[in-house]
């Protein structure tokens, strides 16, 4: 007798978005560790400049992550937990570092980007997850 397989249950969009966030966050932290220390083990906080172990870094948004471009590579950077969680992102230090990295207009551009109402489809989220997994692989291979 032939066994019937049940169709694979799809993850809800909120769970899929969380999956993408986990991969995106890993990419951001590894990207910034390599950019600031040349190592995948340590990185500098964008806001205060403190060097922190990779696993103690957050991926912090410059503009709060309520809407807009949740997965903005220019708007999310490695932050120490103190700045991200307890100092509300240490916005002054974050802004100074963004201007140094990307130029004077970046904060205005990120604020405009945040006002965009981006609705991700399941397909968009699955593609983003694949994309950032691939980028992590590139970082790890050097």
N, C-alpha and C. Protein backbone atom coordinates (compact mmCIF):
# COMPACT_ATOMS: atom_id res chain seq x y z
N UNK A 1 0.83 -1.17 0.00
CA UNK A 1 0.00 0.00 0.00
C UNK A 1 0.88 1.25 0.00
N UNK A 2 0.56 2.18 -0.87
CA UNK A 2 1.35 3.40 -1.01
C UNK A 2 1.01 4.38 0.11
N UNK A 3 2.06 4.89 0.75
CA UNK A 3 1.86 5.82 1.86
C UNK A 3 1.72 7.24 1.31
N UNK A 4 0.73 7.94 1.80
CA UNK A 4 0.49 9.32 1.37
C UNK A 4 1.23 10.25 2.32
N UNK A 5 2.01 11.15 1.74
CA UNK A 5 2.72 12.11 2.58
C UNK A 5 1.89 13.38 2.71
N UNK A 6 1.88 13.90 3.89
CA UNK A 6 1.14 15.14 4.14
C UNK A 6 1.95 16.30 3.58
N UNK A 7 1.26 17.30 3.05
CA UNK A 7 1.99 18.48 2.58
C UNK A 7 2.70 19.15 3.76
N UNK A 8 3.87 19.69 3.47
CA UNK A 8 4.63 20.37 4.51
C UNK A 8 3.88 21.63 4.94
N UNK A 9 3.73 21.78 6.24
CA UNK A 9 3.03 22.94 6.80
C UNK A 9 3.92 24.18 6.65
N UNK A 10 3.36 25.23 6.09
CA UNK A 10 4.11 26.47 5.90
C UNK A 10 4.20 27.24 7.20
N UNK A 11 5.35 27.87 7.41
CA UNK A 11 5.51 28.72 8.58
C UNK A 11 4.67 29.98 8.37
N UNK A 12 4.16 30.52 9.44
CA UNK A 12 3.40 31.76 9.34
C UNK A 12 4.34 32.88 8.88
N UNK A 13 3.78 33.93 8.29
CA UNK A 13 4.61 35.04 7.84
C UNK A 13 5.37 35.68 9.00
N UNK A 14 4.75 35.88 10.17
CA UNK A 14 5.54 36.44 11.29
C UNK A 14 6.72 35.54 11.68
N UNK A 15 6.53 34.23 11.67
CA UNK A 15 7.63 33.32 12.01
C UNK A 15 8.70 33.34 10.92
N UNK A 16 8.25 33.42 9.67
CA UNK A 16 9.20 33.50 8.56
C UNK A 16 9.99 34.80 8.63
N UNK A 17 9.32 35.91 8.98
CA UNK A 17 10.03 37.18 9.13
C UNK A 17 11.05 37.10 10.25
N UNK A 18 10.71 36.42 11.33
CA UNK A 18 11.66 36.22 12.45
C UNK A 18 12.85 35.40 11.98
N UNK A 19 12.60 34.36 11.16
CA UNK A 19 13.70 33.56 10.60
C UNK A 19 14.63 34.43 9.77
N UNK A 20 14.04 35.29 8.94
CA UNK A 20 14.86 36.20 8.11
C UNK A 20 15.65 37.13 9.02
N UNK A 21 14.98 37.66 10.06
CA UNK A 21 15.69 38.56 10.98
C UNK A 21 16.89 37.87 11.60
N UNK A 22 16.74 36.62 12.00
CA UNK A 22 17.85 35.90 12.64
C UNK A 22 19.04 35.79 11.68
N UNK A 23 18.78 35.49 10.41
CA UNK A 23 19.86 35.37 9.42
C UNK A 23 20.42 36.75 9.10
N UNK A 24 19.55 37.73 8.91
CA UNK A 24 19.99 39.09 8.62
C UNK A 24 20.85 39.64 9.75
N UNK A 25 20.42 39.43 10.99
CA UNK A 25 21.16 39.89 12.16
C UNK A 25 22.55 39.25 12.21
N UNK A 26 22.61 37.97 11.93
CA UNK A 26 23.91 37.28 11.90
C UNK A 26 24.81 37.91 10.83
N UNK A 27 24.25 38.16 9.66
CA UNK A 27 25.03 38.79 8.59
C UNK A 27 25.55 40.16 9.03
N UNK A 28 24.68 41.00 9.58
CA UNK A 28 25.07 42.36 9.98
C UNK A 28 26.20 42.30 11.01
N UNK A 29 26.05 41.46 12.02
CA UNK A 29 27.07 41.39 13.08
C UNK A 29 28.39 40.87 12.53
N UNK A 30 28.35 39.87 11.67
CA UNK A 30 29.60 39.35 11.09
C UNK A 30 30.22 40.37 10.15
N UNK A 31 29.40 41.03 9.35
CA UNK A 31 29.90 42.07 8.44
C UNK A 31 30.63 43.14 9.24
N UNK A 32 30.01 43.59 10.32
CA UNK A 32 30.61 44.67 11.10
C UNK A 32 31.80 44.22 11.93
N UNK A 33 31.81 42.97 12.35
CA UNK A 33 33.00 42.45 13.04
C UNK A 33 34.19 42.48 12.09
N UNK A 34 33.99 41.99 10.87
CA UNK A 34 35.08 42.00 9.90
C UNK A 34 35.50 43.42 9.54
N UNK A 35 34.52 44.31 9.40
CA UNK A 35 34.82 45.70 9.03
C UNK A 35 35.61 46.42 10.12
N UNK A 36 35.28 46.15 11.38
CA UNK A 36 35.89 46.92 12.47
C UNK A 36 37.12 46.27 13.09
N UNK A 37 37.17 44.94 13.15
CA UNK A 37 38.31 44.28 13.80
C UNK A 37 39.03 43.30 12.90
N UNK A 38 38.44 42.98 11.74
CA UNK A 38 39.05 41.99 10.86
C UNK A 38 38.85 40.57 11.34
N UNK A 39 38.01 40.37 12.33
CA UNK A 39 37.79 39.06 12.94
C UNK A 39 36.30 38.78 13.01
N UNK A 40 35.93 37.50 12.97
CA UNK A 40 34.53 37.12 13.19
C UNK A 40 34.22 36.91 14.66
N UNK A 41 35.22 37.04 15.51
CA UNK A 41 35.04 36.79 16.94
C UNK A 41 34.72 38.04 17.75
N UNK A 42 35.13 39.21 17.25
CA UNK A 42 34.94 40.47 17.97
C UNK A 42 34.52 41.55 16.99
N UNK A 43 33.77 42.52 17.50
CA UNK A 43 33.39 43.65 16.68
C UNK A 43 33.21 44.89 17.54
N UNK A 44 33.21 46.04 16.88
CA UNK A 44 33.02 47.31 17.60
C UNK A 44 31.57 47.75 17.50
N UNK A 45 31.07 48.27 18.58
CA UNK A 45 29.73 48.86 18.62
C UNK A 45 29.72 50.13 17.78
N UNK A 46 28.74 50.25 16.89
CA UNK A 46 28.66 51.45 16.04
C UNK A 46 28.44 52.71 16.86
N UNK A 47 27.79 52.59 18.00
CA UNK A 47 27.43 53.77 18.79
C UNK A 47 28.51 54.25 19.74
N UNK A 48 29.17 53.32 20.44
CA UNK A 48 30.17 53.75 21.44
C UNK A 48 31.59 53.35 21.08
N UNK A 49 31.75 52.47 20.09
CA UNK A 49 33.08 52.07 19.65
C UNK A 49 33.73 50.98 20.49
N UNK A 50 33.04 50.52 21.53
CA UNK A 50 33.59 49.47 22.38
C UNK A 50 33.72 48.17 21.62
N UNK A 51 34.81 47.44 21.82
CA UNK A 51 35.01 46.13 21.19
C UNK A 51 34.36 45.07 22.07
N UNK A 52 33.52 44.24 21.45
CA UNK A 52 32.71 43.26 22.16
C UNK A 52 32.79 41.92 21.43
N UNK A 53 32.69 40.83 22.17
CA UNK A 53 32.65 39.51 21.57
C UNK A 53 31.43 39.39 20.66
N UNK A 54 31.57 38.67 19.55
CA UNK A 54 30.49 38.53 18.56
C UNK A 54 29.16 38.16 19.20
N UNK A 55 29.17 37.15 20.06
CA UNK A 55 27.91 36.66 20.62
C UNK A 55 27.27 37.63 21.62
N UNK A 56 27.98 38.71 21.93
CA UNK A 56 27.41 39.73 22.82
C UNK A 56 27.00 41.00 22.06
N UNK A 57 26.99 40.91 20.74
CA UNK A 57 26.56 42.03 19.91
C UNK A 57 25.11 41.83 19.47
N UNK A 58 24.40 42.93 19.35
CA UNK A 58 23.07 42.95 18.75
C UNK A 58 23.20 43.56 17.36
N UNK A 59 22.17 43.38 16.56
CA UNK A 59 22.04 44.11 15.31
C UNK A 59 21.01 45.20 15.59
N UNK A 60 21.48 46.43 15.76
CA UNK A 60 20.61 47.52 16.18
C UNK A 60 20.21 48.43 15.04
N UNK A 61 18.94 48.80 15.02
CA UNK A 61 18.41 49.72 14.01
C UNK A 61 18.70 51.17 14.41
N UNK A 62 19.06 51.99 13.43
CA UNK A 62 19.19 53.43 13.69
C UNK A 62 17.82 54.03 13.89
N UNK A 63 16.89 53.73 12.99
CA UNK A 63 15.50 54.14 13.13
C UNK A 63 14.76 52.94 13.71
N UNK A 64 13.97 53.11 14.76
CA UNK A 64 13.29 51.96 15.37
C UNK A 64 12.60 51.07 14.34
N UNK A 65 12.61 49.78 14.59
CA UNK A 65 12.20 48.79 13.60
C UNK A 65 10.69 48.53 13.51
N UNK A 66 9.88 49.49 13.79
CA UNK A 66 8.43 49.30 13.75
C UNK A 66 7.91 49.04 12.35
N UNK A 67 8.41 49.76 11.37
CA UNK A 67 7.93 49.61 9.99
C UNK A 67 9.10 49.87 9.05
N UNK A 68 8.81 50.44 7.91
CA UNK A 68 9.86 50.83 6.99
C UNK A 68 10.71 49.64 6.55
N UNK A 69 11.93 49.94 6.20
CA UNK A 69 12.83 48.89 5.71
C UNK A 69 13.49 48.19 6.89
N UNK A 70 12.82 47.18 7.37
CA UNK A 70 13.25 46.38 8.51
C UNK A 70 14.64 45.78 8.29
N UNK A 71 14.92 45.44 7.04
CA UNK A 71 16.18 44.78 6.68
C UNK A 71 17.11 45.73 5.91
N UNK A 72 17.32 46.91 6.44
CA UNK A 72 18.16 47.93 5.80
C UNK A 72 19.62 47.72 6.19
N UNK A 73 20.45 47.42 5.22
CA UNK A 73 21.87 47.19 5.51
C UNK A 73 22.58 48.45 5.99
N UNK A 74 22.13 49.62 5.53
CA UNK A 74 22.73 50.86 6.01
C UNK A 74 22.10 51.34 7.31
N UNK A 75 20.93 50.82 7.65
CA UNK A 75 20.22 51.27 8.84
C UNK A 75 20.34 50.34 10.03
N UNK A 76 21.06 49.23 9.87
CA UNK A 76 21.24 48.26 10.95
C UNK A 76 22.73 47.94 11.05
N UNK A 77 23.25 48.01 12.28
CA UNK A 77 24.68 47.76 12.51
C UNK A 77 24.88 47.05 13.83
N UNK A 78 26.07 46.49 13.99
CA UNK A 78 26.42 45.82 15.24
C UNK A 78 26.48 46.85 16.36
N UNK A 79 25.81 46.52 17.45
CA UNK A 79 25.81 47.38 18.64
C UNK A 79 26.02 46.52 19.87
N UNK A 80 26.69 47.10 20.85
CA UNK A 80 26.78 46.41 22.14
C UNK A 80 25.38 46.43 22.76
N UNK A 81 25.13 45.50 23.62
CA UNK A 81 23.80 45.41 24.23
C UNK A 81 23.48 46.62 25.10
N UNK A 82 24.50 47.18 25.71
CA UNK A 82 24.27 48.36 26.55
C UNK A 82 23.68 49.49 25.72
N UNK A 83 24.31 49.80 24.59
CA UNK A 83 23.79 50.87 23.74
C UNK A 83 22.42 50.52 23.15
N UNK A 84 22.29 49.32 22.61
CA UNK A 84 21.06 48.96 21.92
C UNK A 84 19.88 48.81 22.85
N UNK A 85 20.08 48.13 23.96
CA UNK A 85 18.95 47.78 24.83
C UNK A 85 18.70 48.76 25.95
N UNK A 86 19.75 49.36 26.47
CA UNK A 86 19.59 50.18 27.68
C UNK A 86 19.76 51.68 27.44
N UNK A 87 20.36 52.03 26.31
CA UNK A 87 20.55 53.44 26.00
C UNK A 87 19.77 53.83 24.74
N UNK A 88 18.74 53.05 24.44
CA UNK A 88 17.84 53.35 23.30
C UNK A 88 18.61 53.57 22.00
N UNK A 89 19.65 52.78 21.81
CA UNK A 89 20.43 52.85 20.58
C UNK A 89 21.57 53.84 20.61
N UNK A 90 21.70 54.61 21.71
CA UNK A 90 22.76 55.63 21.78
C UNK A 90 22.80 56.39 20.45
N UNK A 91 21.68 57.05 20.15
CA UNK A 91 21.46 57.65 18.84
C UNK A 91 22.52 58.66 18.42
N UNK A 92 23.04 59.44 19.33
CA UNK A 92 24.05 60.44 18.96
C UNK A 92 25.31 59.76 18.44
N UNK A 93 25.80 58.76 19.18
CA UNK A 93 26.97 58.02 18.72
C UNK A 93 26.71 57.28 17.42
N UNK A 94 25.52 56.71 17.31
CA UNK A 94 25.13 55.97 16.11
C UNK A 94 25.13 56.92 14.90
N UNK A 95 24.51 58.09 15.08
CA UNK A 95 24.43 59.06 13.98
C UNK A 95 25.82 59.48 13.52
N UNK A 96 26.69 59.79 14.47
CA UNK A 96 28.06 60.21 14.11
C UNK A 96 28.76 59.14 13.28
N UNK A 97 28.61 57.88 13.71
CA UNK A 97 29.27 56.78 12.98
C UNK A 97 28.66 56.59 11.60
N UNK A 98 27.35 56.73 11.48
CA UNK A 98 26.70 56.60 10.16
C UNK A 98 27.20 57.67 9.19
N UNK A 99 27.30 58.89 9.68
CA UNK A 99 27.78 59.99 8.83
C UNK A 99 29.21 59.71 8.39
N UNK A 100 30.03 59.20 9.30
CA UNK A 100 31.41 58.87 8.95
C UNK A 100 31.47 57.75 7.90
N UNK A 101 30.60 56.76 8.04
CA UNK A 101 30.59 55.63 7.11
C UNK A 101 30.01 55.96 5.74
N UNK A 102 28.88 56.69 5.73
CA UNK A 102 28.10 56.83 4.50
C UNK A 102 27.92 58.27 4.01
N UNK A 103 28.31 59.24 4.81
CA UNK A 103 28.14 60.63 4.39
C UNK A 103 27.01 61.34 5.13
N UNK A 104 27.00 62.64 5.00
CA UNK A 104 26.11 63.51 5.76
C UNK A 104 24.62 63.24 5.53
N UNK A 105 24.23 62.82 4.35
CA UNK A 105 22.81 62.67 4.01
C UNK A 105 22.20 61.35 4.48
N UNK A 106 22.99 60.45 5.00
CA UNK A 106 22.49 59.10 5.29
C UNK A 106 21.35 59.09 6.29
N UNK A 107 21.41 59.88 7.33
CA UNK A 107 20.34 59.80 8.34
C UNK A 107 19.02 60.29 7.76
N UNK A 108 19.06 61.32 6.92
CA UNK A 108 17.83 61.77 6.26
C UNK A 108 17.28 60.66 5.35
N UNK A 109 18.16 60.02 4.61
CA UNK A 109 17.75 58.94 3.72
C UNK A 109 17.13 57.78 4.50
N UNK A 110 17.70 57.45 5.64
CA UNK A 110 17.16 56.36 6.45
C UNK A 110 15.80 56.73 7.04
N UNK A 111 15.62 57.99 7.38
CA UNK A 111 14.32 58.41 7.90
C UNK A 111 13.25 58.37 6.81
N UNK A 112 13.60 58.72 5.58
CA UNK A 112 12.66 58.61 4.45
C UNK A 112 12.36 57.14 4.19
N UNK A 113 13.40 56.32 4.19
CA UNK A 113 13.24 54.88 3.98
C UNK A 113 12.29 54.28 5.02
N UNK A 114 12.37 54.77 6.24
CA UNK A 114 11.53 54.24 7.30
C UNK A 114 10.05 54.56 7.10
N UNK A 115 9.76 55.62 6.39
CA UNK A 115 8.36 56.01 6.17
C UNK A 115 7.69 55.17 5.08
N UNK A 116 8.49 54.40 4.35
CA UNK A 116 7.92 53.51 3.33
C UNK A 116 7.26 52.33 4.03
N UNK A 117 6.08 52.01 3.58
CA UNK A 117 5.35 50.88 4.16
C UNK A 117 5.63 49.65 3.30
N UNK A 118 6.59 48.87 3.71
CA UNK A 118 7.00 47.70 2.93
C UNK A 118 6.25 46.48 3.44
N UNK A 119 5.54 45.84 2.55
CA UNK A 119 4.80 44.61 2.87
C UNK A 119 5.55 43.45 2.20
N UNK A 120 6.13 42.60 3.01
CA UNK A 120 6.87 41.47 2.47
C UNK A 120 5.93 40.31 2.20
N UNK A 121 6.06 39.71 1.03
CA UNK A 121 5.33 38.49 0.73
C UNK A 121 6.13 37.31 1.27
N UNK A 122 5.50 36.17 1.34
CA UNK A 122 6.19 34.95 1.75
C UNK A 122 7.39 34.71 0.83
N UNK A 123 7.19 34.90 -0.46
CA UNK A 123 8.26 34.72 -1.44
C UNK A 123 9.41 35.70 -1.18
N UNK A 124 9.07 36.96 -0.89
CA UNK A 124 10.11 37.97 -0.58
C UNK A 124 10.94 37.51 0.61
N UNK A 125 10.27 37.05 1.65
CA UNK A 125 10.96 36.64 2.88
C UNK A 125 11.84 35.41 2.64
N UNK A 126 11.34 34.46 1.89
CA UNK A 126 12.14 33.27 1.58
C UNK A 126 13.38 33.65 0.77
N UNK A 127 13.21 34.57 -0.18
CA UNK A 127 14.33 35.03 -0.99
C UNK A 127 15.35 35.79 -0.14
N UNK A 128 14.87 36.65 0.75
CA UNK A 128 15.78 37.39 1.65
C UNK A 128 16.58 36.42 2.52
N UNK A 129 15.92 35.40 3.02
CA UNK A 129 16.61 34.42 3.87
C UNK A 129 17.73 33.73 3.09
N UNK A 130 17.43 33.29 1.87
CA UNK A 130 18.46 32.67 1.02
C UNK A 130 19.60 33.65 0.73
N UNK A 131 19.24 34.87 0.40
CA UNK A 131 20.21 35.90 0.06
C UNK A 131 21.19 36.15 1.20
N UNK A 132 20.68 36.32 2.42
CA UNK A 132 21.57 36.60 3.54
C UNK A 132 22.35 35.38 3.99
N UNK A 133 21.81 34.19 3.82
CA UNK A 133 22.60 32.98 4.11
C UNK A 133 23.79 32.91 3.16
N UNK A 134 23.54 33.25 1.90
CA UNK A 134 24.62 33.26 0.91
C UNK A 134 25.67 34.31 1.27
N UNK A 135 25.23 35.50 1.69
CA UNK A 135 26.18 36.55 2.06
C UNK A 135 27.00 36.16 3.30
N UNK A 136 26.37 35.45 4.24
CA UNK A 136 27.11 34.96 5.41
C UNK A 136 28.20 34.00 4.96
N UNK A 137 27.85 33.10 4.06
CA UNK A 137 28.82 32.13 3.53
C UNK A 137 30.01 32.85 2.90
N UNK A 138 29.74 33.89 2.15
CA UNK A 138 30.83 34.66 1.51
C UNK A 138 31.73 35.30 2.58
N UNK A 139 31.13 35.88 3.61
CA UNK A 139 31.93 36.47 4.70
C UNK A 139 32.79 35.42 5.39
N UNK A 140 32.21 34.28 5.67
CA UNK A 140 32.92 33.23 6.40
C UNK A 140 34.05 32.61 5.58
N UNK A 141 33.88 32.57 4.27
CA UNK A 141 34.93 32.02 3.40
C UNK A 141 36.04 33.02 3.14
N UNK A 142 35.76 34.28 3.46
CA UNK A 142 36.78 35.31 3.26
C UNK A 142 36.70 35.84 1.88
